Amino acid sequence: MLVQKCSRKTRRKLAFPKELLLIDSTTMTVGKTRLPWAPYHGERAGVKLHVALQAENLQPLKAIESIGSKHDGPMSESLAHTDYIMVMDRAYGKLERLDGYKENGQSFVVRLRDNVHLEKPRALRRQIEEDSPIIRDITCQLGTAQCRSKHRHRVVIFRDFEGREIRVATDLMQVTAEQIAQMYKARWQIEVFFRWIKQHLNIPTLFGTTENAVYGQLFAALMVYVLLKWLFDSVSASISRHVELSFVRFTRLFALHLLPAEWLIKIQYIVQTHNPQRVV
């Protein structure tokens, strides 16, 4: 609801058919005795936050909380949205789920596990670009005879900036292989988002250890992020180039009360002119 109230978007010129929705989760762990209702691994307990993050404005579209042992894959079905292209890591690449997305018209770009077999591959025609990271661009069925996808999926194989080979499956056929690779690389933004949440959630100092208290602290951190990101986008759109700040540096200076004067003036103007009922 808070995201909907702060609905102003900072558009990026991404030449994709739909907006990207970055799907992933992060786990916050503590000692087992502190959260006995949330067992995780061994002597650790933990809670998990499953997030669908909009790549264009880096605001969460949906967030679901769970205990740390909850598997990521099934949660993606609750985070799916047919208006977006879902971009996900290997944990979400179950073959039956990819078939279901294709049947339901849910666009996706999902990294495949290294042991997924590519059955009956057929190369797609493509114009080779200079310095392209693309290794192969094919359609195929996924899996072995014991467990194989019903549909043929497009698979793009490329190298990341460290030279590692990445294989992603997708239903998108009207975009280039280079664009598919760019879509998957955009997934890094949700890792930056999770880093920010963990830095500001202050897990070592839990306000309470009951389920409601822990999840309340988790969503309080999310609400702070949404409001700060909205304020940052509103100000940075009109700020002069010589005082530009990244969002991370903005939040640090904001917390230390060390923002440049031009930022403080813009923030004061926005707060005074914005209708308070829109952000309650």
Protein backbone atom coordinates (compact mmCIF):
# COMPACT_ATOMS: atom_id res chain seq x y z
CA MET A 1 0.00 0.00 0.00
CA LEU A 2 2.83 2.37 0.81
CA VAL A 3 4.47 1.71 -2.58
CA GLN A 4 1.17 2.49 -4.30
CA LYS A 5 0.95 5.80 -2.45
CA CYS A 6 4.50 6.68 -3.50
CA SER A 7 3.82 5.61 -7.07
CA ARG A 8 5.99 8.08 -8.96
CA LYS A 9 8.38 6.06 -11.14
CA THR A 10 11.86 6.90 -12.30
CA ARG A 11 11.78 5.48 -15.81
CA ARG A 12 14.87 3.93 -17.35
CA LYS A 13 15.23 3.49 -21.08
CA LEU A 14 15.30 -0.29 -21.24
CA ALA A 15 14.43 -1.60 -24.70
CA PHE A 16 12.47 -4.57 -23.35
CA PRO A 17 8.89 -5.58 -24.24
CA LYS A 18 7.81 -5.40 -20.56
CA GLU A 19 9.21 -4.14 -17.28
CA LEU A 20 11.47 -6.50 -15.36
CA LEU A 21 10.38 -7.98 -12.04
CA LEU A 22 13.38 -9.26 -10.06
CA ILE A 23 12.47 -12.24 -7.84
CA ASP A 24 14.67 -13.47 -5.00
CA SER A 25 14.84 -14.00 -1.23
CA THR A 26 17.20 -13.27 1.62
CA THR A 27 17.57 -15.01 4.97
CA MET A 28 18.36 -13.36 8.31
CA THR A 29 19.72 -15.84 10.86
CA VAL A 30 20.27 -15.77 14.63
CA GLY A 31 20.90 -18.37 17.33
CA LYS A 32 18.33 -21.16 17.55
CA THR A 33 17.33 -20.29 21.12
CA ARG A 34 16.32 -16.75 20.15
CA LEU A 35 13.70 -17.80 17.58
CA PRO A 36 12.62 -21.36 18.43
CA TRP A 37 9.57 -21.02 16.15
CA ALA A 38 11.79 -20.46 13.08
CA PRO A 39 14.29 -23.37 12.86
CA TYR A 40 16.72 -23.09 9.96
CA HIS A 41 19.95 -25.14 9.89
CA GLY A 42 21.59 -26.84 12.87
CA GLU A 43 21.84 -24.42 15.75
CA ARG A 44 20.60 -21.48 13.69
CA ALA A 45 17.13 -20.00 13.40
CA GLY A 46 16.08 -17.58 10.69
CA VAL A 47 13.39 -15.71 8.84
CA LYS A 48 13.23 -15.18 5.11
CA LEU A 49 11.98 -12.29 2.99
CA HIS A 50 10.73 -13.12 -0.52
CA VAL A 51 10.60 -10.02 -2.73
CA ALA A 52 9.45 -9.04 -6.21
CA LEU A 53 11.44 -5.88 -7.01
CA GLN A 54 10.60 -3.60 -9.94
CA ALA A 55 13.77 -3.01 -11.95
CA GLU A 56 12.69 0.39 -13.30
CA ASN A 57 12.26 2.18 -9.98
CA LEU A 58 13.82 -0.37 -7.57
CA GLN A 59 10.68 -0.43 -5.44
CA PRO A 60 9.21 -3.72 -4.15
CA LEU A 61 6.01 -4.73 -5.90
CA LYS A 62 5.29 -7.48 -3.38
CA ALA A 63 7.00 -8.93 -0.31
CA ILE A 64 6.20 -12.15 1.59
CA GLU A 65 7.74 -13.19 4.90
CA SER A 66 8.38 -16.80 5.98
CA ILE A 67 10.59 -18.91 8.22
CA GLY A 68 14.07 -19.58 6.87
CA SER A 69 13.42 -23.22 5.93
CA LYS A 70 10.67 -22.28 3.44
CA HIS A 71 11.79 -23.18 -0.09
CA ASP A 72 12.09 -20.32 -2.59
CA GLY A 73 10.57 -22.07 -5.61
CA PRO A 74 6.88 -22.29 -4.59
CA MET A 75 6.97 -18.70 -3.32
CA SER A 76 7.67 -17.43 -6.85
CA GLU A 77 4.15 -18.47 -7.85
CA SER A 78 2.76 -16.00 -5.30
CA LEU A 79 5.09 -13.28 -6.59
CA ALA A 80 4.31 -13.82 -10.30
CA HIS A 81 2.72 -10.99 -12.32
CA THR A 82 1.87 -11.36 -16.00
CA ASP A 83 2.45 -7.65 -16.67
CA TYR A 84 6.18 -8.17 -16.00
CA ILE A 85 9.09 -10.32 -17.13
CA MET A 86 10.15 -12.31 -14.07
CA VAL A 87 13.94 -12.56 -13.66
CA MET A 88 15.04 -15.30 -11.26
CA ASP A 89 18.03 -17.35 -10.14
CA ARG A 90 18.54 -21.15 -10.18
CA ALA A 91 16.40 -21.87 -7.10
CA TYR A 92 13.27 -21.06 -9.12
CA GLY A 93 14.06 -23.15 -12.21
CA LYS A 94 11.85 -26.21 -11.63
CA LEU A 95 10.88 -27.59 -15.05
CA GLU A 96 7.17 -28.04 -14.29
CA ARG A 97 7.02 -24.45 -13.10
CA LEU A 98 8.60 -23.13 -16.31
CA ASP A 99 6.03 -25.06 -18.35
CA GLY A 100 3.27 -23.55 -16.24
CA TYR A 101 4.59 -20.02 -16.75
CA LYS A 102 4.62 -20.57 -20.51
CA GLU A 103 1.05 -21.91 -20.51
CA ASN A 104 -0.20 -19.02 -18.36
CA GLY A 105 1.48 -16.27 -20.41
CA GLN A 106 3.96 -15.35 -17.66
CA SER A 107 7.17 -14.10 -19.25
CA PHE A 108 10.35 -15.20 -17.51
CA VAL A 109 14.15 -15.27 -17.62
CA VAL A 110 15.40 -17.98 -15.24
CA ARG A 111 18.92 -19.27 -14.72
CA LEU A 112 19.23 -23.05 -15.17
CA ARG A 113 21.14 -25.36 -12.88
CA ASP A 114 24.39 -26.64 -14.36
CA ASN A 115 23.14 -30.24 -14.45
CA VAL A 116 19.96 -29.55 -16.48
CA HIS A 117 20.17 -31.52 -19.74
CA LEU A 118 19.36 -29.71 -23.00
CA GLU A 119 17.36 -32.14 -25.17
CA LYS A 120 17.17 -31.82 -28.99
CA PRO A 121 18.73 -28.35 -29.24
CA ARG A 122 18.07 -26.26 -32.33
CA ALA A 123 20.11 -23.14 -33.01
CA LEU A 124 18.27 -19.88 -33.63
CA ARG A 125 19.32 -17.52 -36.38
CA ARG A 126 20.92 -14.42 -35.00
CA GLN A 127 23.03 -11.51 -36.10
CA ILE A 128 26.39 -11.82 -34.37
CA GLU A 129 27.39 -8.62 -32.60
CA GLU A 130 30.98 -7.59 -32.05
CA ASP A 131 32.27 -8.39 -28.53
CA SER A 132 29.02 -10.20 -27.75
CA PRO A 133 29.08 -12.39 -24.60
CA ILE A 134 26.65 -14.87 -26.21
CA ILE A 135 27.91 -18.44 -26.66
CA ARG A 136 24.72 -20.20 -27.86
CA ASP A 137 21.13 -19.25 -28.60
CA ILE A 138 18.90 -22.32 -28.98
CA THR A 139 15.47 -23.82 -28.35
CA CYS A 140 15.19 -27.21 -26.65
CA GLN A 141 13.37 -29.31 -24.12
CA LEU A 142 14.84 -29.32 -20.65
CA GLY A 143 15.72 -32.35 -18.55
CA THR A 144 16.16 -36.09 -19.02
CA ALA A 145 13.65 -38.76 -19.97
CA GLN A 146 12.76 -39.25 -16.28
CA CYS A 147 11.95 -35.57 -15.80
CA ARG A 148 11.57 -33.42 -18.90
CA SER A 149 9.71 -30.23 -19.76
CA LYS A 150 6.60 -30.58 -21.90
CA HIS A 151 7.40 -27.48 -23.94
CA ARG A 152 10.47 -26.34 -25.81
CA HIS A 153 12.09 -23.32 -24.22
CA ARG A 154 14.60 -20.83 -25.50
CA VAL A 155 17.99 -21.15 -23.80
CA VAL A 156 20.64 -18.43 -24.03
CA ILE A 157 24.17 -19.27 -22.91
CA PHE A 158 26.55 -16.36 -22.25
CA ARG A 159 29.58 -15.36 -20.19
CA ASP A 160 29.33 -12.91 -17.32
CA PHE A 161 31.93 -10.22 -16.55
CA GLU A 162 34.06 -12.80 -14.71
CA GLY A 163 34.05 -15.21 -17.63
CA ARG A 164 31.67 -17.72 -16.02
CA GLU A 165 29.19 -19.51 -18.27
CA ILE A 166 25.55 -18.67 -17.50
CA ARG A 167 22.56 -20.57 -18.94
CA VAL A 168 19.12 -18.98 -18.80
CA ALA A 169 15.76 -20.25 -20.01
CA THR A 170 13.08 -17.88 -21.30
CA ASP A 171 9.84 -17.76 -23.23
CA LEU A 172 10.81 -14.51 -25.00
CA MET A 173 11.37 -14.98 -28.73
CA GLN A 174 11.12 -11.44 -30.11
CA VAL A 175 14.22 -10.02 -28.42
CA THR A 176 17.91 -10.59 -29.07
CA ALA A 177 20.10 -12.96 -27.08
CA GLU A 178 22.10 -9.94 -25.92
CA GLN A 179 18.93 -8.43 -24.44
CA ILE A 180 18.17 -11.69 -22.62
CA ALA A 181 21.65 -11.56 -21.09
CA GLN A 182 21.08 -7.93 -20.04
CA MET A 183 17.80 -8.89 -18.37
CA TYR A 184 19.47 -11.52 -16.26
CA LYS A 185 22.37 -9.23 -15.35
CA ALA A 186 19.80 -6.69 -14.07
CA ARG A 187 19.03 -9.22 -11.31
CA TRP A 188 22.06 -7.87 -9.42
CA GLN A 189 19.93 -4.90 -8.35
CA ILE A 190 17.92 -7.06 -5.95
CA GLU A 191 21.16 -8.16 -4.26
CA VAL A 192 21.96 -4.49 -3.63
CA PHE A 193 18.43 -4.04 -2.23
CA PHE A 194 18.86 -6.97 0.18
CA ARG A 195 22.24 -5.63 1.30
CA TRP A 196 20.60 -2.33 2.20
CA ILE A 197 17.80 -4.08 4.12
CA LYS A 198 20.24 -6.21 6.12
CA GLN A 199 22.44 -3.22 6.94
CA HIS A 200 19.47 -1.27 8.31
CA LEU A 201 17.40 -4.09 9.84
CA ASN A 202 19.80 -4.46 12.78
CA ILE A 203 19.13 -8.19 13.32
CA PRO A 204 21.60 -8.48 16.28
CA THR A 205 19.26 -6.15 18.22
CA LEU A 206 15.80 -7.64 17.78
CA PHE A 207 13.05 -5.59 19.38
CA GLY A 208 11.20 -8.81 20.20
CA THR A 209 11.46 -12.53 19.53
CA THR A 210 7.83 -13.40 18.84
CA GLU A 211 6.68 -13.98 15.26
CA ASN A 212 4.76 -10.70 15.13
CA ALA A 213 7.65 -8.70 16.58
CA VAL A 214 10.28 -10.07 14.17
CA TYR A 215 8.10 -9.70 11.08
CA GLY A 216 7.04 -6.25 12.27
CA GLN A 217 10.69 -5.18 12.46
CA LEU A 218 11.27 -6.66 9.00
CA PHE A 219 8.42 -4.71 7.41
CA ALA A 220 9.37 -1.56 9.27
CA ALA A 221 12.74 -1.71 7.49
CA LEU A 222 10.90 -2.18 4.18
CA MET A 223 8.70 0.85 4.84
CA VAL A 224 11.74 3.00 5.65
CA TYR A 225 13.36 1.86 2.39
CA VAL A 226 10.23 2.71 0.35
CA LEU A 227 9.95 6.19 1.84
CA LEU A 228 13.66 6.99 1.49
CA LYS A 229 13.70 5.71 -2.09
CA TRP A 230 10.64 7.81 -2.93
CA LEU A 231 12.26 10.88 -1.36
CA PHE A 232 15.56 10.20 -3.16
CA ASP A 233 13.86 9.80 -6.57
CA SER A 234 11.77 12.94 -6.03
CA VAL A 235 14.80 15.08 -5.19
CA SER A 236 17.38 13.62 -7.59
CA ALA A 237 15.09 14.27 -10.57
CA SER A 238 15.56 18.03 -10.07
CA ILE A 239 18.99 18.25 -8.47
CA SER A 240 21.94 19.81 -10.29
CA ARG A 241 24.63 17.50 -11.63
CA HIS A 242 27.46 18.73 -9.38
CA VAL A 243 25.64 17.59 -6.20
CA GLU A 244 24.31 14.23 -7.44
CA LEU A 245 24.40 11.35 -4.96
CA SER A 246 23.90 7.61 -5.20
CA PHE A 247 21.02 6.18 -3.16
CA VAL A 248 23.44 4.40 -0.79
CA ARG A 249 25.39 7.61 -0.11
CA PHE A 250 22.14 9.56 0.22
CA THR A 251 20.87 7.24 2.98
CA ARG A 252 24.19 7.42 4.84
CA LEU A 253 24.33 11.22 4.74
CA PHE A 254 20.63 11.42 5.60
CA ALA A 255 21.17 9.33 8.74
CA LEU A 256 24.20 11.44 9.74
CA HIS A 257 22.41 14.76 9.01
CA LEU A 258 25.18 15.65 6.55
CA LEU A 259 23.24 16.10 3.31
CA PRO A 260 24.36 18.99 1.07
CA ALA A 261 22.36 22.20 1.45
CA GLU A 262 20.77 21.87 -2.00
CA TRP A 263 19.41 18.44 -1.07
CA LEU A 264 18.04 19.74 2.23
CA ILE A 265 16.25 22.61 0.47
CA LYS A 266 14.70 20.27 -2.10
CA ILE A 267 13.60 17.81 0.60
CA GLN A 268 11.99 20.59 2.63
CA TYR A 269 10.14 21.81 -0.46
CA ILE A 270 8.86 18.34 -1.35
CA VAL A 271 7.71 17.59 2.20
CA GLN A 272 5.91 20.95 2.49
CA THR A 273 4.18 20.74 -0.89
CA HIS A 274 3.31 17.03 -0.87
CA ASN A 275 -0.15 16.10 0.37
CA PRO A 276 0.46 14.15 3.62
CA GLN A 277 -2.64 11.99 3.02
CA ARG A 278 -0.92 10.39 0.02
CA VAL A 279 1.86 8.83 2.10
CA VAL A 280 0.02 7.94 5.31
